Amino acid sequence: MSISPGTIVKLPNGRNGLVIPSPWWQPGRVLVKMQRGKRRWFKVEECKLIRTNY
């Protein structure tokens, strides 16, 4: 599964986060910006895509 930057995801702790571009690439992981501006790496399998209709 591929998650691109700008995608909103549901995190394992139940909160939502925004996938952001990272300065370096880690296979199988994405950098997620959470509430309050914190950034954290998550495994792709842990994040669930949130479908939005614009």
N, C-alpha and C. Protein backbone atom coordinates (compact mmCIF):
# COMPACT_ATOMS: atom_id res chain seq x y z
N MET A 1 0.84 -1.18 0.00
CA MET A 1 0.00 0.00 0.00
C MET A 1 0.89 1.24 0.00
N SER A 2 0.53 2.22 -0.78
CA SER A 2 1.30 3.45 -0.89
C SER A 2 0.48 4.61 -0.34
N ILE A 3 1.09 5.36 0.53
CA ILE A 3 0.44 6.54 1.10
C ILE A 3 1.27 7.75 0.67
N SER A 4 0.65 8.70 0.01
CA SER A 4 1.36 9.86 -0.49
C SER A 4 1.22 11.04 0.47
N PRO A 5 2.16 12.01 0.42
CA PRO A 5 2.07 13.20 1.26
C PRO A 5 0.77 13.95 1.00
N GLY A 6 0.20 14.49 2.06
CA GLY A 6 -1.07 15.22 1.96
C GLY A 6 -2.27 14.36 2.29
N THR A 7 -2.05 13.07 2.58
CA THR A 7 -3.14 12.15 2.88
C THR A 7 -3.44 12.19 4.37
N ILE A 8 -4.71 12.20 4.72
CA ILE A 8 -5.13 12.15 6.12
C ILE A 8 -5.29 10.68 6.50
N VAL A 9 -4.68 10.30 7.64
CA VAL A 9 -4.71 8.90 8.07
C VAL A 9 -5.18 8.81 9.52
N LYS A 10 -5.73 7.65 9.86
CA LYS A 10 -6.10 7.33 11.25
C LYS A 10 -4.93 6.57 11.86
N LEU A 11 -4.44 7.04 12.99
CA LEU A 11 -3.27 6.46 13.64
C LEU A 11 -3.68 5.35 14.61
N PRO A 12 -2.72 4.53 15.04
CA PRO A 12 -3.05 3.42 15.95
C PRO A 12 -3.67 3.88 17.27
N ASN A 13 -3.37 5.10 17.72
CA ASN A 13 -3.94 5.58 18.98
C ASN A 13 -5.34 6.18 18.81
N GLY A 14 -5.89 6.13 17.58
CA GLY A 14 -7.24 6.61 17.34
C GLY A 14 -7.33 8.05 16.85
N ARG A 15 -6.23 8.75 16.84
CA ARG A 15 -6.23 10.14 16.37
C ARG A 15 -5.96 10.21 14.88
N ASN A 16 -6.20 11.38 14.32
CA ASN A 16 -5.93 11.60 12.90
C ASN A 16 -4.60 12.33 12.75
N GLY A 17 -3.97 12.12 11.61
CA GLY A 17 -2.73 12.80 11.30
C GLY A 17 -2.62 13.04 9.81
N LEU A 18 -1.70 13.90 9.43
CA LEU A 18 -1.47 14.27 8.05
C LEU A 18 -0.09 13.78 7.64
N VAL A 19 -0.03 13.00 6.56
CA VAL A 19 1.25 12.52 6.04
C VAL A 19 1.96 13.69 5.38
N ILE A 20 3.22 13.91 5.76
CA ILE A 20 3.99 15.01 5.22
C ILE A 20 5.24 14.47 4.52
N PRO A 21 5.80 15.23 3.58
CA PRO A 21 7.04 14.79 2.95
C PRO A 21 8.19 14.80 3.95
N SER A 22 9.07 13.84 3.84
CA SER A 22 10.19 13.77 4.78
C SER A 22 11.50 14.10 4.08
N PRO A 23 12.49 14.58 4.83
CA PRO A 23 13.78 14.91 4.23
C PRO A 23 14.57 13.66 3.79
N TRP A 24 14.26 12.53 4.36
CA TRP A 24 14.89 11.28 3.94
C TRP A 24 13.84 10.18 3.86
N TRP A 25 14.15 9.12 3.14
CA TRP A 25 13.20 8.06 2.87
C TRP A 25 13.49 6.85 3.74
N GLN A 26 12.48 6.31 4.38
CA GLN A 26 12.59 5.09 5.16
C GLN A 26 11.60 4.09 4.58
N PRO A 27 12.08 2.95 4.10
CA PRO A 27 11.17 1.99 3.48
C PRO A 27 10.12 1.48 4.46
N GLY A 28 8.86 1.48 4.04
CA GLY A 28 7.78 0.96 4.86
C GLY A 28 7.30 1.89 5.96
N ARG A 29 7.78 3.13 5.98
CA ARG A 29 7.38 4.08 7.02
C ARG A 29 6.97 5.41 6.39
N VAL A 30 6.11 6.13 7.09
CA VAL A 30 5.69 7.47 6.66
C VAL A 30 5.84 8.44 7.82
N LEU A 31 6.13 9.69 7.50
CA LEU A 31 6.23 10.74 8.51
C LEU A 31 4.87 11.40 8.63
N VAL A 32 4.33 11.44 9.85
CA VAL A 32 2.98 11.96 10.08
C VAL A 32 3.05 13.15 11.03
N LYS A 33 2.37 14.23 10.64
CA LYS A 33 2.25 15.40 11.51
C LYS A 33 0.97 15.24 12.29
N MET A 34 1.10 15.21 13.61
CA MET A 34 -0.05 15.03 14.48
C MET A 34 -0.49 16.38 15.02
N GLN A 35 -1.53 16.37 15.84
CA GLN A 35 -2.00 17.60 16.44
C GLN A 35 -0.90 18.18 17.31
N ARG A 36 -0.94 19.47 17.49
CA ARG A 36 0.04 20.22 18.26
C ARG A 36 1.41 20.28 17.59
N GLY A 37 1.46 19.95 16.28
CA GLY A 37 2.69 20.11 15.52
C GLY A 37 3.74 19.04 15.69
N LYS A 38 3.46 17.98 16.44
CA LYS A 38 4.43 16.91 16.61
C LYS A 38 4.53 16.09 15.34
N ARG A 39 5.73 15.61 15.04
CA ARG A 39 5.94 14.75 13.87
C ARG A 39 6.48 13.42 14.37
N ARG A 40 6.00 12.34 13.75
CA ARG A 40 6.43 11.01 14.19
C ARG A 40 6.37 10.03 13.02
N TRP A 41 7.28 9.06 13.03
CA TRP A 41 7.31 8.03 12.01
C TRP A 41 6.37 6.90 12.41
N PHE A 42 5.59 6.40 11.44
CA PHE A 42 4.70 5.26 11.65
C PHE A 42 4.91 4.26 10.52
N LYS A 43 4.67 2.99 10.81
CA LYS A 43 4.69 1.98 9.76
C LYS A 43 3.46 2.17 8.89
N VAL A 44 3.61 1.89 7.61
CA VAL A 44 2.50 2.05 6.67
C VAL A 44 1.32 1.17 7.08
N GLU A 45 1.60 -0.04 7.59
CA GLU A 45 0.53 -0.97 7.98
C GLU A 45 -0.28 -0.45 9.17
N GLU A 46 0.30 0.42 10.00
CA GLU A 46 -0.39 0.94 11.18
C GLU A 46 -1.38 2.05 10.83
N CYS A 47 -1.18 2.72 9.72
CA CYS A 47 -2.02 3.85 9.34
C CYS A 47 -3.15 3.40 8.43
N LYS A 48 -4.35 3.88 8.73
CA LYS A 48 -5.51 3.59 7.89
C LYS A 48 -5.91 4.86 7.15
N LEU A 49 -6.10 4.74 5.85
CA LEU A 49 -6.49 5.88 5.05
C LEU A 49 -7.89 6.35 5.43
N ILE A 50 -8.09 7.64 5.46
CA ILE A 50 -9.42 8.23 5.67
C ILE A 50 -9.86 8.78 4.33
N ARG A 51 -10.93 8.23 3.81
CA ARG A 51 -11.44 8.67 2.51
C ARG A 51 -12.23 9.96 2.68
N THR A 52 -11.89 10.95 1.85
CA THR A 52 -12.62 12.21 1.89
C THR A 52 -13.16 12.51 0.50
N ASN A 53 -14.28 13.15 0.43
CA ASN A 53 -14.88 13.56 -0.84
C ASN A 53 -14.83 15.08 -0.95
N TYR A 54 -14.00 15.57 -1.84
CA TYR A 54 -13.89 17.01 -2.03
C TYR A 54 -14.67 17.42 -3.24
